[in-house]
PDBML (XML) file of the C-alpha atoms, coordinates in Angstrom:
<?xml version="1.0" encoding="UTF-8" ?>
<PDBx:datablock datablockName="MODEL"
   xmlns:PDBx="http://pdbml.pdb.org/schema/pdbx-v50.xsd"
   xmlns:xsi="http://www.w3.org/2001/XMLSchema-instance"
   xsi:schemaLocation="http://pdbml.pdb.org/schema/pdbx-v50.xsd pdbx-v50.xsd">
   <PDBx:atom_siteCategory>
      <PDBx:atom_site id="1">
         <PDBx:B_iso_or_equiv>0.00</PDBx:B_iso_or_equiv>
         <PDBx:Cartn_x>-167.248</PDBx:Cartn_x>
         <PDBx:Cartn_y>-39.481</PDBx:Cartn_y>
         <PDBx:Cartn_z>-189.183</PDBx:Cartn_z>
         <PDBx:auth_asym_id>A</PDBx:auth_asym_id>
         <PDBx:auth_atom_id>CA</PDBx:auth_atom_id>
         <PDBx:auth_comp_id>UNK</PDBx:auth_comp_id>
         <PDBx:auth_seq_id>1</PDBx:auth_seq_id>
         <PDBx:group_PDB>ATOM</PDBx:group_PDB>
         <PDBx:label_alt_id xsi:nil="true" />
         <PDBx:label_asym_id>A</PDBx:label_asym_id>
         <PDBx:label_atom_id>CA</PDBx:label_atom_id>
         <PDBx:label_comp_id>UNK</PDBx:label_comp_id>
         <PDBx:label_entity_id>1</PDBx:label_entity_id>
         <PDBx:label_seq_id>1</PDBx:label_seq_id>
         <PDBx:occupancy>1.00</PDBx:occupancy>
         <PDBx:pdbx_PDB_model_num>1</PDBx:pdbx_PDB_model_num>
         <PDBx:type_symbol>C</PDBx:type_symbol>
      </PDBx:atom_site>
      <PDBx:atom_site id="2">
         <PDBx:B_iso_or_equiv>0.00</PDBx:B_iso_or_equiv>
         <PDBx:Cartn_x>-164.094</PDBx:Cartn_x>
         <PDBx:Cartn_y>-38.259</PDBx:Cartn_y>
         <PDBx:Cartn_z>-186.759</PDBx:Cartn_z>
         <PDBx:auth_asym_id>A</PDBx:auth_asym_id>
         <PDBx:auth_atom_id>CA</PDBx:auth_atom_id>
         <PDBx:auth_comp_id>UNK</PDBx:auth_comp_id>
         <PDBx:auth_seq_id>2</PDBx:auth_seq_id>
         <PDBx:group_PDB>ATOM</PDBx:group_PDB>
         <PDBx:label_alt_id xsi:nil="true" />
         <PDBx:label_asym_id>A</PDBx:label_asym_id>
         <PDBx:label_atom_id>CA</PDBx:label_atom_id>
         <PDBx:label_comp_id>UNK</PDBx:label_comp_id>
         <PDBx:label_entity_id>1</PDBx:label_entity_id>
         <PDBx:label_seq_id>2</PDBx:label_seq_id>
         <PDBx:occupancy>1.00</PDBx:occupancy>
         <PDBx:pdbx_PDB_model_num>1</PDBx:pdbx_PDB_model_num>
         <PDBx:type_symbol>C</PDBx:type_symbol>
      </PDBx:atom_site>
      <PDBx:atom_site id="3">
         <PDBx:B_iso_or_equiv>0.00</PDBx:B_iso_or_equiv>
         <PDBx:Cartn_x>-164.335</PDBx:Cartn_x>
         <PDBx:Cartn_y>-37.318</PDBx:Cartn_y>
         <PDBx:Cartn_z>-183.824</PDBx:Cartn_z>
         <PDBx:auth_asym_id>A</PDBx:auth_asym_id>
         <PDBx:auth_atom_id>CA</PDBx:auth_atom_id>
         <PDBx:auth_comp_id>UNK</PDBx:auth_comp_id>
         <PDBx:auth_seq_id>3</PDBx:auth_seq_id>
         <PDBx:group_PDB>ATOM</PDBx:group_PDB>
         <PDBx:label_alt_id xsi:nil="true" />
         <PDBx:label_asym_id>A</PDBx:label_asym_id>
         <PDBx:label_atom_id>CA</PDBx:label_atom_id>
         <PDBx:label_comp_id>UNK</PDBx:label_comp_id>
         <PDBx:label_entity_id>1</PDBx:label_entity_id>
         <PDBx:label_seq_id>3</PDBx:label_seq_id>
         <PDBx:occupancy>1.00</PDBx:occupancy>
         <PDBx:pdbx_PDB_model_num>1</PDBx:pdbx_PDB_model_num>
         <PDBx:type_symbol>C</PDBx:type_symbol>
      </PDBx:atom_site>
      <PDBx:atom_site id="4">
         <PDBx:B_iso_or_equiv>0.00</PDBx:B_iso_or_equiv>
         <PDBx:Cartn_x>-161.253</PDBx:Cartn_x>
         <PDBx:Cartn_y>-34.628</PDBx:Cartn_y>
         <PDBx:Cartn_z>-183.712</PDBx:Cartn_z>
         <PDBx:auth_asym_id>A</PDBx:auth_asym_id>
         <PDBx:auth_atom_id>CA</PDBx:auth_atom_id>
         <PDBx:auth_comp_id>UNK</PDBx:auth_comp_id>
         <PDBx:auth_seq_id>4</PDBx:auth_seq_id>
         <PDBx:group_PDB>ATOM</PDBx:group_PDB>
         <PDBx:label_alt_id xsi:nil="true" />
         <PDBx:label_asym_id>A</PDBx:label_asym_id>
         <PDBx:label_atom_id>CA</PDBx:label_atom_id>
         <PDBx:label_comp_id>UNK</PDBx:label_comp_id>
         <PDBx:label_entity_id>1</PDBx:label_entity_id>
         <PDBx:label_seq_id>4</PDBx:label_seq_id>
         <PDBx:occupancy>1.00</PDBx:occupancy>
         <PDBx:pdbx_PDB_model_num>1</PDBx:pdbx_PDB_model_num>
         <PDBx:type_symbol>C</PDBx:type_symbol>
      </PDBx:atom_site>
      <PDBx:atom_site id="5">
         <PDBx:B_iso_or_equiv>0.00</PDBx:B_iso_or_equiv>
         <PDBx:Cartn_x>-161.608</PDBx:Cartn_x>
         <PDBx:Cartn_y>-32.986</PDBx:Cartn_y>
         <PDBx:Cartn_z>-180.327</PDBx:Cartn_z>
         <PDBx:auth_asym_id>A</PDBx:auth_asym_id>
         <PDBx:auth_atom_id>CA</PDBx:auth_atom_id>
         <PDBx:auth_comp_id>UNK</PDBx:auth_comp_id>
         <PDBx:auth_seq_id>5</PDBx:auth_seq_id>
         <PDBx:group_PDB>ATOM</PDBx:group_PDB>
         <PDBx:label_alt_id xsi:nil="true" />
         <PDBx:label_asym_id>A</PDBx:label_asym_id>
         <PDBx:label_atom_id>CA</PDBx:label_atom_id>
         <PDBx:label_comp_id>UNK</PDBx:label_comp_id>
         <PDBx:label_entity_id>1</PDBx:label_entity_id>
         <PDBx:label_seq_id>5</PDBx:label_seq_id>
         <PDBx:occupancy>1.00</PDBx:occupancy>
         <PDBx:pdbx_PDB_model_num>1</PDBx:pdbx_PDB_model_num>
         <PDBx:type_symbol>C</PDBx:type_symbol>
      </PDBx:atom_site>
      <PDBx:atom_site id="6">
         <PDBx:B_iso_or_equiv>0.00</PDBx:B_iso_or_equiv>
         <PDBx:Cartn_x>-160.067</PDBx:Cartn_x>
         <PDBx:Cartn_y>-29.727</PDBx:Cartn_y>
         <PDBx:Cartn_z>-179.571</PDBx:Cartn_z>
         <PDBx:auth_asym_id>A</PDBx:auth_asym_id>
         <PDBx:auth_atom_id>CA</PDBx:auth_atom_id>
         <PDBx:auth_comp_id>UNK</PDBx:auth_comp_id>
         <PDBx:auth_seq_id>6</PDBx:auth_seq_id>
         <PDBx:group_PDB>ATOM</PDBx:group_PDB>
         <PDBx:label_alt_id xsi:nil="true" />
         <PDBx:label_asym_id>A</PDBx:label_asym_id>
         <PDBx:label_atom_id>CA</PDBx:label_atom_id>
         <PDBx:label_comp_id>UNK</PDBx:label_comp_id>
         <PDBx:label_entity_id>1</PDBx:label_entity_id>
         <PDBx:label_seq_id>6</PDBx:label_seq_id>
         <PDBx:occupancy>1.00</PDBx:occupancy>
         <PDBx:pdbx_PDB_model_num>1</PDBx:pdbx_PDB_model_num>
         <PDBx:type_symbol>C</PDBx:type_symbol>
      </PDBx:atom_site>
      <PDBx:atom_site id="7">
         <PDBx:B_iso_or_equiv>0.00</PDBx:B_iso_or_equiv>
         <PDBx:Cartn_x>-160.405</PDBx:Cartn_x>
         <PDBx:Cartn_y>-29.584</PDBx:Cartn_y>
         <PDBx:Cartn_z>-176.170</PDBx:Cartn_z>
         <PDBx:auth_asym_id>A</PDBx:auth_asym_id>
         <PDBx:auth_atom_id>CA</PDBx:auth_atom_id>
         <PDBx:auth_comp_id>UNK</PDBx:auth_comp_id>
         <PDBx:auth_seq_id>7</PDBx:auth_seq_id>
         <PDBx:group_PDB>ATOM</PDBx:group_PDB>
         <PDBx:label_alt_id xsi:nil="true" />
         <PDBx:label_asym_id>A</PDBx:label_asym_id>
         <PDBx:label_atom_id>CA</PDBx:label_atom_id>
         <PDBx:label_comp_id>UNK</PDBx:label_comp_id>
         <PDBx:label_entity_id>1</PDBx:label_entity_id>
         <PDBx:label_seq_id>7</PDBx:label_seq_id>
         <PDBx:occupancy>1.00</PDBx:occupancy>
         <PDBx:pdbx_PDB_model_num>1</PDBx:pdbx_PDB_model_num>
         <PDBx:type_symbol>C</PDBx:type_symbol>
      </PDBx:atom_site>
      <PDBx:atom_site id="8">
         <PDBx:B_iso_or_equiv>0.00</PDBx:B_iso_or_equiv>
         <PDBx:Cartn_x>-159.307</PDBx:Cartn_x>
         <PDBx:Cartn_y>-32.631</PDBx:Cartn_y>
         <PDBx:Cartn_z>-173.207</PDBx:Cartn_z>
         <PDBx:auth_asym_id>A</PDBx:auth_asym_id>
         <PDBx:auth_atom_id>CA</PDBx:auth_atom_id>
         <PDBx:auth_comp_id>UNK</PDBx:auth_comp_id>
         <PDBx:auth_seq_id>8</PDBx:auth_seq_id>
         <PDBx:group_PDB>ATOM</PDBx:group_PDB>
         <PDBx:label_alt_id xsi:nil="true" />
         <PDBx:label_asym_id>A</PDBx:label_asym_id>
         <PDBx:label_atom_id>CA</PDBx:label_atom_id>
         <PDBx:label_comp_id>UNK</PDBx:label_comp_id>
         <PDBx:label_entity_id>1</PDBx:label_entity_id>
         <PDBx:label_seq_id>8</PDBx:label_seq_id>
         <PDBx:occupancy>1.00</PDBx:occupancy>
         <PDBx:pdbx_PDB_model_num>1</PDBx:pdbx_PDB_model_num>
         <PDBx:type_symbol>C</PDBx:type_symbol>
      </PDBx:atom_site>
      <PDBx:atom_site id="9">
         <PDBx:B_iso_or_equiv>0.00</PDBx:B_iso_or_equiv>
         <PDBx:Cartn_x>-160.079</PDBx:Cartn_x>
         <PDBx:Cartn_y>-30.484</PDBx:Cartn_y>
         <PDBx:Cartn_z>-170.766</PDBx:Cartn_z>
         <PDBx:auth_asym_id>A</PDBx:auth_asym_id>
         <PDBx:auth_atom_id>CA</PDBx:auth_atom_id>
         <PDBx:auth_comp_id>UNK</PDBx:auth_comp_id>
         <PDBx:auth_seq_id>9</PDBx:auth_seq_id>
         <PDBx:group_PDB>ATOM</PDBx:group_PDB>
         <PDBx:label_alt_id xsi:nil="true" />
         <PDBx:label_asym_id>A</PDBx:label_asym_id>
         <PDBx:label_atom_id>CA</PDBx:label_atom_id>
         <PDBx:label_comp_id>UNK</PDBx:label_comp_id>
         <PDBx:label_entity_id>1</PDBx:label_entity_id>
         <PDBx:label_seq_id>9</PDBx:label_seq_id>
         <PDBx:occupancy>1.00</PDBx:occupancy>
         <PDBx:pdbx_PDB_model_num>1</PDBx:pdbx_PDB_model_num>
         <PDBx:type_symbol>C</PDBx:type_symbol>
      </PDBx:atom_site>
      <PDBx:atom_site id="10">
         <PDBx:B_iso_or_equiv>0.00</PDBx:B_iso_or_equiv>
         <PDBx:Cartn_x>-161.988</PDBx:Cartn_x>
         <PDBx:Cartn_y>-27.306</PDBx:Cartn_y>
         <PDBx:Cartn_z>-169.674</PDBx:Cartn_z>
         <PDBx:auth_asym_id>A</PDBx:auth_asym_id>
         <PDBx:auth_atom_id>CA</PDBx:auth_atom_id>
         <PDBx:auth_comp_id>UNK</PDBx:auth_comp_id>
         <PDBx:auth_seq_id>10</PDBx:auth_seq_id>
         <PDBx:group_PDB>ATOM</PDBx:group_PDB>
         <PDBx:label_alt_id xsi:nil="true" />
         <PDBx:label_asym_id>A</PDBx:label_asym_id>
         <PDBx:label_atom_id>CA</PDBx:label_atom_id>
         <PDBx:label_comp_id>UNK</PDBx:label_comp_id>
         <PDBx:label_entity_id>1</PDBx:label_entity_id>
         <PDBx:label_seq_id>10</PDBx:label_seq_id>
         <PDBx:occupancy>1.00</PDBx:occupancy>
         <PDBx:pdbx_PDB_model_num>1</PDBx:pdbx_PDB_model_num>
         <PDBx:type_symbol>C</PDBx:type_symbol>
      </PDBx:atom_site>
      <PDBx:atom_site id="11">
         <PDBx:B_iso_or_equiv>0.00</PDBx:B_iso_or_equiv>
         <PDBx:Cartn_x>-160.722</PDBx:Cartn_x>
         <PDBx:Cartn_y>-24.425</PDBx:Cartn_y>
         <PDBx:Cartn_z>-167.235</PDBx:Cartn_z>
         <PDBx:auth_asym_id>A</PDBx:auth_asym_id>
         <PDBx:auth_atom_id>CA</PDBx:auth_atom_id>
         <PDBx:auth_comp_id>UNK</PDBx:auth_comp_id>
         <PDBx:auth_seq_id>11</PDBx:auth_seq_id>
         <PDBx:group_PDB>ATOM</PDBx:group_PDB>
         <PDBx:label_alt_id xsi:nil="true" />
         <PDBx:label_asym_id>A</PDBx:label_asym_id>
         <PDBx:label_atom_id>CA</PDBx:label_atom_id>
         <PDBx:label_comp_id>UNK</PDBx:label_comp_id>
         <PDBx:label_entity_id>1</PDBx:label_entity_id>
         <PDBx:label_seq_id>11</PDBx:label_seq_id>
         <PDBx:occupancy>1.00</PDBx:occupancy>
         <PDBx:pdbx_PDB_model_num>1</PDBx:pdbx_PDB_model_num>
         <PDBx:type_symbol>C</PDBx:type_symbol>
      </PDBx:atom_site>
      <PDBx:atom_site id="12">
         <PDBx:B_iso_or_equiv>0.00</PDBx:B_iso_or_equiv>
         <PDBx:Cartn_x>-163.276</PDBx:Cartn_x>
         <PDBx:Cartn_y>-23.608</PDBx:Cartn_y>
         <PDBx:Cartn_z>-165.099</PDBx:Cartn_z>
         <PDBx:auth_asym_id>A</PDBx:auth_asym_id>
         <PDBx:auth_atom_id>CA</PDBx:auth_atom_id>
         <PDBx:auth_comp_id>UNK</PDBx:auth_comp_id>
         <PDBx:auth_seq_id>12</PDBx:auth_seq_id>
         <PDBx:group_PDB>ATOM</PDBx:group_PDB>
         <PDBx:label_alt_id xsi:nil="true" />
         <PDBx:label_asym_id>A</PDBx:label_asym_id>
         <PDBx:label_atom_id>CA</PDBx:label_atom_id>
         <PDBx:label_comp_id>UNK</PDBx:label_comp_id>
         <PDBx:label_entity_id>1</PDBx:label_entity_id>
         <PDBx:label_seq_id>12</PDBx:label_seq_id>
         <PDBx:occupancy>1.00</PDBx:occupancy>
         <PDBx:pdbx_PDB_model_num>1</PDBx:pdbx_PDB_model_num>
         <PDBx:type_symbol>C</PDBx:type_symbol>
      </PDBx:atom_site>
      <PDBx:atom_site id="13">
         <PDBx:B_iso_or_equiv>0.00</PDBx:B_iso_or_equiv>
         <PDBx:Cartn_x>-163.945</PDBx:Cartn_x>
         <PDBx:Cartn_y>-21.998</PDBx:Cartn_y>
         <PDBx:Cartn_z>-161.970</PDBx:Cartn_z>
         <PDBx:auth_asym_id>A</PDBx:auth_asym_id>
         <PDBx:auth_atom_id>CA</PDBx:auth_atom_id>
         <PDBx:auth_comp_id>UNK</PDBx:auth_comp_id>
         <PDBx:auth_seq_id>13</PDBx:auth_seq_id>
         <PDBx:group_PDB>ATOM</PDBx:group_PDB>
         <PDBx:label_alt_id xsi:nil="true" />
         <PDBx:label_asym_id>A</PDBx:label_asym_id>
         <PDBx:label_atom_id>CA</PDBx:label_atom_id>
         <PDBx:label_comp_id>UNK</PDBx:label_comp_id>
         <PDBx:label_entity_id>1</PDBx:label_entity_id>
         <PDBx:label_seq_id>13</PDBx:label_seq_id>
         <PDBx:occupancy>1.00</PDBx:occupancy>
         <PDBx:pdbx_PDB_model_num>1</PDBx:pdbx_PDB_model_num>
         <PDBx:type_symbol>C</PDBx:type_symbol>
      </PDBx:atom_site>
      <PDBx:atom_site id="14">
         <PDBx:B_iso_or_equiv>0.00</PDBx:B_iso_or_equiv>
         <PDBx:Cartn_x>-166.146</PDBx:Cartn_x>
         <PDBx:Cartn_y>-23.112</PDBx:Cartn_y>
         <PDBx:Cartn_z>-159.151</PDBx:Cartn_z>
         <PDBx:auth_asym_id>A</PDBx:auth_asym_id>
         <PDBx:auth_atom_id>CA</PDBx:auth_atom_id>
         <PDBx:auth_comp_id>UNK</PDBx:auth_comp_id>
         <PDBx:auth_seq_id>14</PDBx:auth_seq_id>
         <PDBx:group_PDB>ATOM</PDBx:group_PDB>
         <PDBx:label_alt_id xsi:nil="true" />
         <PDBx:label_asym_id>A</PDBx:label_asym_id>
         <PDBx:label_atom_id>CA</PDBx:label_atom_id>
         <PDBx:label_comp_id>UNK</PDBx:label_comp_id>
         <PDBx:label_entity_id>1</PDBx:label_entity_id>
         <PDBx:label_seq_id>14</PDBx:label_seq_id>
         <PDBx:occupancy>1.00</PDBx:occupancy>
         <PDBx:pdbx_PDB_model_num>1</PDBx:pdbx_PDB_model_num>
         <PDBx:type_symbol>C</PDBx:type_symbol>
      </PDBx:atom_site>
      <PDBx:atom_site id="15">
         <PDBx:B_iso_or_equiv>0.00</PDBx:B_iso_or_equiv>
         <PDBx:Cartn_x>-165.813</PDBx:Cartn_x>
         <PDBx:Cartn_y>-23.480</PDBx:Cartn_y>
         <PDBx:Cartn_z>-154.537</PDBx:Cartn_z>
         <PDBx:auth_asym_id>A</PDBx:auth_asym_id>
         <PDBx:auth_atom_id>CA</PDBx:auth_atom_id>
         <PDBx:auth_comp_id>UNK</PDBx:auth_comp_id>
         <PDBx:auth_seq_id>15</PDBx:auth_seq_id>
         <PDBx:group_PDB>ATOM</PDBx:group_PDB>
         <PDBx:label_alt_id xsi:nil="true" />
         <PDBx:label_asym_id>A</PDBx:label_asym_id>
         <PDBx:label_atom_id>CA</PDBx:label_atom_id>
         <PDBx:label_comp_id>UNK</PDBx:label_comp_id>
         <PDBx:label_entity_id>1</PDBx:label_entity_id>
         <PDBx:label_seq_id>15</PDBx:label_seq_id>
         <PDBx:occupancy>1.00</PDBx:occupancy>
         <PDBx:pdbx_PDB_model_num>1</PDBx:pdbx_PDB_model_num>
         <PDBx:type_symbol>C</PDBx:type_symbol>
      </PDBx:atom_site>
      <PDBx:atom_site id="16">
         <PDBx:B_iso_or_equiv>0.00</PDBx:B_iso_or_equiv>
         <PDBx:Cartn_x>-164.163</PDBx:Cartn_x>
         <PDBx:Cartn_y>-26.168</PDBx:Cartn_y>
         <PDBx:Cartn_z>-154.200</PDBx:Cartn_z>
         <PDBx:auth_asym_id>A</PDBx:auth_asym_id>
         <PDBx:auth_atom_id>CA</PDBx:auth_atom_id>
         <PDBx:auth_comp_id>UNK</PDBx:auth_comp_id>
         <PDBx:auth_seq_id>16</PDBx:auth_seq_id>
         <PDBx:group_PDB>ATOM</PDBx:group_PDB>
         <PDBx:label_alt_id xsi:nil="true" />
         <PDBx:label_asym_id>A</PDBx:label_asym_id>
         <PDBx:label_atom_id>CA</PDBx:label_atom_id>
         <PDBx:label_comp_id>UNK</PDBx:label_comp_id>
         <PDBx:label_entity_id>1</PDBx:label_entity_id>
         <PDBx:label_seq_id>16</PDBx:label_seq_id>
         <PDBx:occupancy>1.00</PDBx:occupancy>
         <PDBx:pdbx_PDB_model_num>1</PDBx:pdbx_PDB_model_num>
         <PDBx:type_symbol>C</PDBx:type_symbol>
      </PDBx:atom_site>
      <PDBx:atom_site id="17">
         <PDBx:B_iso_or_equiv>0.00</PDBx:B_iso_or_equiv>
         <PDBx:Cartn_x>-167.104</PDBx:Cartn_x>
         <PDBx:Cartn_y>-28.045</PDBx:Cartn_y>
         <PDBx:Cartn_z>-152.890</PDBx:Cartn_z>
         <PDBx:auth_asym_id>A</PDBx:auth_asym_id>
         <PDBx:auth_atom_id>CA</PDBx:auth_atom_id>
         <PDBx:auth_comp_id>UNK</PDBx:auth_comp_id>
         <PDBx:auth_seq_id>17</PDBx:auth_seq_id>
         <PDBx:group_PDB>ATOM</PDBx:group_PDB>
         <PDBx:label_alt_id xsi:nil="true" />
         <PDBx:label_asym_id>A</PDBx:label_asym_id>
         <PDBx:label_atom_id>CA</PDBx:label_atom_id>
         <PDBx:label_comp_id>UNK</PDBx:label_comp_id>
         <PDBx:label_entity_id>1</PDBx:label_entity_id>
         <PDBx:label_seq_id>17</PDBx:label_seq_id>
         <PDBx:occupancy>1.00</PDBx:occupancy>
         <PDBx:pdbx_PDB_model_num>1</PDBx:pdbx_PDB_model_num>
         <PDBx:type_symbol>C</PDBx:type_symbol>
      </PDBx:atom_site>
      <PDBx:atom_site id="18">
         <PDBx:B_iso_or_equiv>0.00</PDBx:B_iso_or_equiv>
         <PDBx:Cartn_x>-168.799</PDBx:Cartn_x>
         <PDBx:Cartn_y>-28.227</PDBx:Cartn_y>
         <PDBx:Cartn_z>-155.957</PDBx:Cartn_z>
         <PDBx:auth_asym_id>A</PDBx:auth_asym_id>
         <PDBx:auth_atom_id>CA</PDBx:auth_atom_id>
         <PDBx:auth_comp_id>UNK</PDBx:auth_comp_id>
         <PDBx:auth_seq_id>18</PDBx:auth_seq_id>
         <PDBx:group_PDB>ATOM</PDBx:group_PDB>
         <PDBx:label_alt_id xsi:nil="true" />
         <PDBx:label_asym_id>A</PDBx:label_asym_id>
         <PDBx:label_atom_id>CA</PDBx:label_atom_id>
         <PDBx:label_comp_id>UNK</PDBx:label_comp_id>
         <PDBx:label_entity_id>1</PDBx:label_entity_id>
         <PDBx:label_seq_id>18</PDBx:label_seq_id>
         <PDBx:occupancy>1.00</PDBx:occupancy>
         <PDBx:pdbx_PDB_model_num>1</PDBx:pdbx_PDB_model_num>
         <PDBx:type_symbol>C</PDBx:type_symbol>
      </PDBx:atom_site>
      <PDBx:atom_site id="19">
         <PDBx:B_iso_or_equiv>0.00</PDBx:B_iso_or_equiv>
         <PDBx:Cartn_x>-166.074</PDBx:Cartn_x>
         <PDBx:Cartn_y>-29.813</PDBx:Cartn_y>
         <PDBx:Cartn_z>-158.180</PDBx:Cartn_z>
         <PDBx:auth_asym_id>A</PDBx:auth_asym_id>
         <PDBx:auth_atom_id>CA</PDBx:auth_atom_id>
         <PDBx:auth_comp_id>UNK</PDBx:auth_comp_id>
         <PDBx:auth_seq_id>19</PDBx:auth_seq_id>
         <PDBx:group_PDB>ATOM</PDBx:group_PDB>
         <PDBx:label_alt_id xsi:nil="true" />
         <PDBx:label_asym_id>A</PDBx:label_asym_id>
         <PDBx:label_atom_id>CA</PDBx:label_atom_id>
         <PDBx:label_comp_id>UNK</PDBx:label_comp_id>
         <PDBx:label_entity_id>1</PDBx:label_entity_id>
         <PDBx:label_seq_id>19</PDBx:label_seq_id>
         <PDBx:occupancy>1.00</PDBx:occupancy>
         <PDBx:pdbx_PDB_model_num>1</PDBx:pdbx_PDB_model_num>
         <PDBx:type_symbol>C</PDBx:type_symbol>
      </PDBx:atom_site>
      <PDBx:atom_site id="20">
         <PDBx:B_iso_or_equiv>0.00</PDBx:B_iso_or_equiv>
         <PDBx:Cartn_x>-167.795</PDBx:Cartn_x>
         <PDBx:Cartn_y>-31.662</PDBx:Cartn_y>
         <PDBx:Cartn_z>-161.240</PDBx:Cartn_z>
         <PDBx:auth_asym_id>A</PDBx:auth_asym_id>
         <PDBx:auth_atom_id>CA</PDBx:auth_atom_id>
         <PDBx:auth_comp_id>UNK</PDBx:auth_comp_id>
         <PDBx:auth_seq_id>20</PDBx:auth_seq_id>
         <PDBx:group_PDB>ATOM</PDBx:group_PDB>
         <PDBx:label_alt_id xsi:nil="true" />
         <PDBx:label_asym_id>A</PDBx:label_asym_id>
         <PDBx:label_atom_id>CA</PDBx:label_atom_id>
         <PDBx:label_comp_id>UNK</PDBx:label_comp_id>
         <PDBx:label_entity_id>1</PDBx:label_entity_id>
         <PDBx:label_seq_id>20</PDBx:label_seq_id>
         <PDBx:occupancy>1.00</PDBx:occupancy>
         <PDBx:pdbx_PDB_model_num>1</PDBx:pdbx_PDB_model_num>
         <PDBx:type_symbol>C</PDBx:type_symbol>
      </PDBx:atom_site>
      <PDBx:atom_site id="21">
         <PDBx:B_iso_or_equiv>0.00</PDBx:B_iso_or_equiv>
         <PDBx:Cartn_x>-166.006</PDBx:Cartn_x>
         <PDBx:Cartn_y>-35.066</PDBx:Cartn_y>
         <PDBx:Cartn_z>-161.615</PDBx:Cartn_z>
         <PDBx:auth_asym_id>A</PDBx:auth_asym_id>
         <PDBx:auth_atom_id>CA</PDBx:auth_atom_id>
         <PDBx:auth_comp_id>UNK</PDBx:auth_comp_id>
         <PDBx:auth_seq_id>21</PDBx:auth_seq_id>
         <PDBx:group_PDB>ATOM</PDBx:group_PDB>
         <PDBx:label_alt_id xsi:nil="true" />
         <PDBx:label_asym_id>A</PDBx:label_asym_id>
         <PDBx:label_atom_id>CA</PDBx:label_atom_id>
         <PDBx:label_comp_id>UNK</PDBx:label_comp_id>
         <PDBx:label_entity_id>1</PDBx:label_entity_id>
         <PDBx:label_seq_id>21</PDBx:label_seq_id>
         <PDBx:occupancy>1.00</PDBx:occupancy>
         <PDBx:pdbx_PDB_model_num>1</PDBx:pdbx_PDB_model_num>
         <PDBx:type_symbol>C</PDBx:type_symbol>
      </PDBx:atom_site>
      <PDBx:atom_site id="22">
         <PDBx:B_iso_or_equiv>0.00</PDBx:B_iso_or_equiv>
         <PDBx:Cartn_x>-166.202</PDBx:Cartn_x>
         <PDBx:Cartn_y>-34.153</PDBx:Cartn_y>
         <PDBx:Cartn_z>-165.585</PDBx:Cartn_z>
         <PDBx:auth_asym_id>A</PDBx:auth_asym_id>
         <PDBx:auth_atom_id>CA</PDBx:auth_atom_id>
         <PDBx:auth_comp_id>UNK</PDBx:auth_comp_id>
         <PDBx:auth_seq_id>22</PDBx:auth_seq_id>
         <PDBx:group_PDB>ATOM</PDBx:group_PDB>
         <PDBx:label_alt_id xsi:nil="true" />
         <PDBx:label_asym_id>A</PDBx:label_asym_id>
         <PDBx:label_atom_id>CA</PDBx:label_atom_id>
         <PDBx:label_comp_id>UNK</PDBx:label_comp_id>
         <PDBx:label_entity_id>1</PDBx:label_entity_id>
         <PDBx:label_seq_id>22</PDBx:label_seq_id>
         <PDBx:occupancy>1.00</PDBx:occupancy>
         <PDBx:pdbx_PDB_model_num>1</PDBx:pdbx_PDB_model_num>
         <PDBx:type_symbol>C</PDBx:type_symbol>
      </PDBx:atom_site>
      <PDBx:atom_site id="23">
         <PDBx:B_iso_or_equiv>0.00</PDBx:B_iso_or_equiv>
         <PDBx:Cartn_x>-168.383</PDBx:Cartn_x>
         <PDBx:Cartn_y>-32.407</PDBx:Cartn_y>
         <PDBx:Cartn_z>-168.341</PDBx:Cartn_z>
         <PDBx:auth_asym_id>A</PDBx:auth_asym_id>
         <PDBx:auth_atom_id>CA</PDBx:auth_atom_id>
         <PDBx:auth_comp_id>UNK</PDBx:auth_comp_id>
         <PDBx:auth_seq_id>23</PDBx:auth_seq_id>
         <PDBx:group_PDB>ATOM</PDBx:group_PDB>
         <PDBx:label_alt_id xsi:nil="true" />
         <PDBx:label_asym_id>A</PDBx:label_asym_id>
         <PDBx:label_atom_id>CA</PDBx:label_atom_id>
         <PDBx:label_comp_id>UNK</PDBx:label_comp_id>
         <PDBx:label_entity_id>1</PDBx:label_entity_id>
         <PDBx:label_seq_id>23</PDBx:label_seq_id>
         <PDBx:occupancy>1.00</PDBx:occupancy>
         <PDBx:pdbx_PDB_model_num>1</PDBx:pdbx_PDB_model_num>
         <PDBx:type_symbol>C</PDBx:type_symbol>
      </PDBx:atom_site>
      <PDBx:atom_site id="24">
         <PDBx:B_iso_or_equiv>0.00</PDBx:B_iso_or_equiv>
         <PDBx:Cartn_x>-170.455</PDBx:Cartn_x>
         <PDBx:Cartn_y>-34.189</PDBx:Cartn_y>
         <PDBx:Cartn_z>-170.356</PDBx:Cartn_z>
         <PDBx:auth_asym_id>A</PDBx:auth_asym_id>
         <PDBx:auth_atom_id>CA</PDBx:auth_atom_id>
         <PDBx:auth_comp_id>UNK</PDBx:auth_comp_id>
         <PDBx:auth_seq_id>24</PDBx:auth_seq_id>
         <PDBx:group_PDB>ATOM</PDBx:group_PDB>
         <PDBx:label_alt_id xsi:nil="true" />
         <PDBx:label_asym_id>A</PDBx:label_asym_id>
         <PDBx:label_atom_id>CA</PDBx:label_atom_id>
         <PDBx:label_comp_id>UNK</PDBx:label_comp_id>
         <PDBx:label_entity_id>1</PDBx:label_entity_id>
         <PDBx:label_seq_id>24</PDBx:label_seq_id>
         <PDBx:occupancy>1.00</PDBx:occupancy>
         <PDBx:pdbx_PDB_model_num>1</PDBx:pdbx_PDB_model_num>
         <PDBx:type_symbol>C</PDBx:type_symbol>
      </PDBx:atom_site>
   </PDBx:atom_siteCategory>
</PDBx:datablock>
Protein backbone atom coordinates (compact mmCIF):
# COMPACT_ATOMS: atom_id res chain seq x y z
CA UNK A 1 0.00 0.00 0.00
CA UNK A 2 0.92 3.65 -0.45
CA UNK A 3 1.11 5.91 2.61
CA UNK A 4 -0.69 9.12 1.58
CA UNK A 5 0.33 11.71 4.17
CA UNK A 6 -2.30 14.44 4.40
CA UNK A 7 -0.63 16.35 7.24
CA UNK A 8 3.11 16.40 7.82
CA UNK A 9 2.57 18.75 10.77
CA UNK A 10 -0.28 19.35 13.19
CA UNK A 11 -0.91 22.77 14.70
CA UNK A 12 -1.55 22.57 18.43
CA UNK A 13 -1.91 24.81 21.44
CA UNK A 14 0.01 24.03 24.62
CA UNK A 15 2.19 25.43 27.37
CA UNK A 16 5.68 26.45 26.29
CA UNK A 17 7.05 24.07 28.93
CA UNK A 18 5.17 21.11 27.40
CA UNK A 19 5.91 21.32 23.66
CA UNK A 20 6.10 17.78 22.22
CA UNK A 21 9.02 17.07 19.89
CA UNK A 22 6.72 15.13 17.56
CA UNK A 23 3.28 13.56 17.26
CA UNK A 24 3.37 9.79 16.75
